[in-house]
Amino acid sequence: MAFGQHHVMLLDQEGKVYSLGRHDYGVLGLGENVNSEVHTPTLVEGIVDPSVEIGCGTAVSYAVTKNGDAFSWGMGTNGQVTF
């Protein structure tokens, strides 16, 4: 588990990433057509390979895959979602 200001990211044993909480700034990684709050863990689609690490900032989320690919989403006003 990783905790942001108003969201949570979860990583299961298969390397799938889930999110829940407020969808402010796209921090859940669930696309644009999402309610303002998600109350059940929802799969973050688009990460093809299994993830091995997740993290959260105040309004950002991160995942790193087994192959070393890094993904980030959310508020990027200070460059925190670019690698």
Protein backbone atom coordinates (compact mmCIF):
# COMPACT_ATOMS: atom_id res chain seq x y z
CA MET A 1 0.00 0.00 0.00
CA ALA A 2 0.99 3.58 -0.62
CA PHE A 3 -0.88 6.62 0.68
CA GLY A 4 -1.32 10.05 -0.88
CA GLN A 5 -3.19 12.99 0.57
CA HIS A 6 -6.64 11.72 -0.46
CA HIS A 7 -5.91 8.46 -2.29
CA VAL A 8 -4.45 5.01 -1.82
CA MET A 9 -2.57 2.77 -4.25
CA LEU A 10 -2.48 -1.01 -3.78
CA LEU A 11 -0.17 -3.61 -5.32
CA ASP A 12 -1.30 -7.24 -5.35
CA GLN A 13 0.85 -10.37 -5.44
CA GLU A 14 0.47 -10.62 -9.24
CA GLY A 15 1.87 -7.11 -9.75
CA LYS A 16 -1.46 -5.46 -10.55
CA VAL A 17 -1.97 -1.89 -9.34
CA TYR A 18 -5.27 -0.70 -7.87
CA SER A 19 -6.37 2.71 -6.63
CA LEU A 20 -9.16 4.30 -4.64
CA GLY A 21 -9.99 7.65 -3.07
CA ARG A 22 -10.47 11.09 -4.58
CA HIS A 23 -9.78 11.39 -8.28
CA ASP A 24 -8.41 14.95 -8.05
CA TYR A 25 -5.82 15.74 -10.74
CA GLY A 26 -6.04 12.19 -12.13
CA VAL A 27 -4.12 10.69 -9.18
CA LEU A 28 -6.04 7.42 -9.42
CA GLY A 29 -4.84 6.70 -12.96
CA LEU A 30 -8.30 5.63 -14.05
CA GLY A 31 -8.86 7.98 -16.98
CA GLU A 32 -11.10 10.98 -17.40
CA ASN A 33 -14.53 9.35 -17.12
CA VAL A 34 -14.34 8.58 -13.41
CA ASN A 35 -16.47 9.83 -10.54
CA SER A 36 -14.84 12.34 -8.22
CA GLU A 37 -14.41 9.59 -5.60
CA VAL A 38 -13.81 5.85 -5.97
CA HIS A 39 -14.73 3.77 -2.92
CA THR A 40 -13.52 0.32 -3.99
CA PRO A 41 -10.07 -0.71 -5.26
CA THR A 42 -10.10 -0.30 -9.05
CA LEU A 43 -7.52 -1.71 -11.46
CA VAL A 44 -5.18 0.85 -13.04
CA GLU A 45 -5.20 -0.30 -16.66
CA GLY A 46 -2.41 0.44 -19.09
CA ILE A 47 0.45 -0.98 -17.04
CA VAL A 48 1.08 -4.13 -19.08
CA ASP A 49 3.95 -5.74 -17.17
CA PRO A 50 3.67 -6.70 -13.49
CA SER A 51 4.60 -3.90 -11.12
CA VAL A 52 7.08 -4.41 -8.29
CA GLU A 53 6.88 -1.03 -6.57
CA ILE A 54 4.28 1.70 -6.08
CA GLY A 55 4.40 5.08 -4.41
CA CYS A 56 2.32 8.17 -3.79
CA GLY A 57 2.96 11.81 -3.22
CA THR A 58 0.41 14.35 -2.11
CA ALA A 59 -1.25 14.49 -5.55
CA VAL A 60 0.78 12.04 -7.66
CA SER A 61 1.11 8.27 -8.03
CA TYR A 62 3.91 6.05 -9.28
CA ALA A 63 4.48 2.44 -10.36
CA VAL A 64 7.63 0.63 -11.44
CA THR A 65 7.35 -2.61 -13.38
CA LYS A 66 9.39 -5.78 -13.20
CA ASN A 67 11.02 -4.73 -16.50
CA GLY A 68 12.09 -1.38 -15.04
CA ASP A 69 9.51 0.81 -16.75
CA ALA A 70 8.34 3.73 -14.60
CA PHE A 71 4.84 5.21 -14.73
CA SER A 72 3.54 8.34 -13.04
CA TRP A 73 0.26 10.23 -13.08
CA GLY A 74 -1.51 13.01 -11.23
CA MET A 75 -0.60 16.66 -10.69
CA GLY A 76 2.64 17.49 -12.45
CA THR A 77 2.99 21.19 -11.73
CA ASN A 78 6.48 20.78 -10.29
CA GLY A 79 7.79 18.15 -12.71
CA GLN A 80 7.06 15.27 -10.37
CA VAL A 81 5.34 13.15 -13.04
CA THR A 82 8.18 13.24 -15.56
CA PHE A 83 11.15 10.91 -15.66
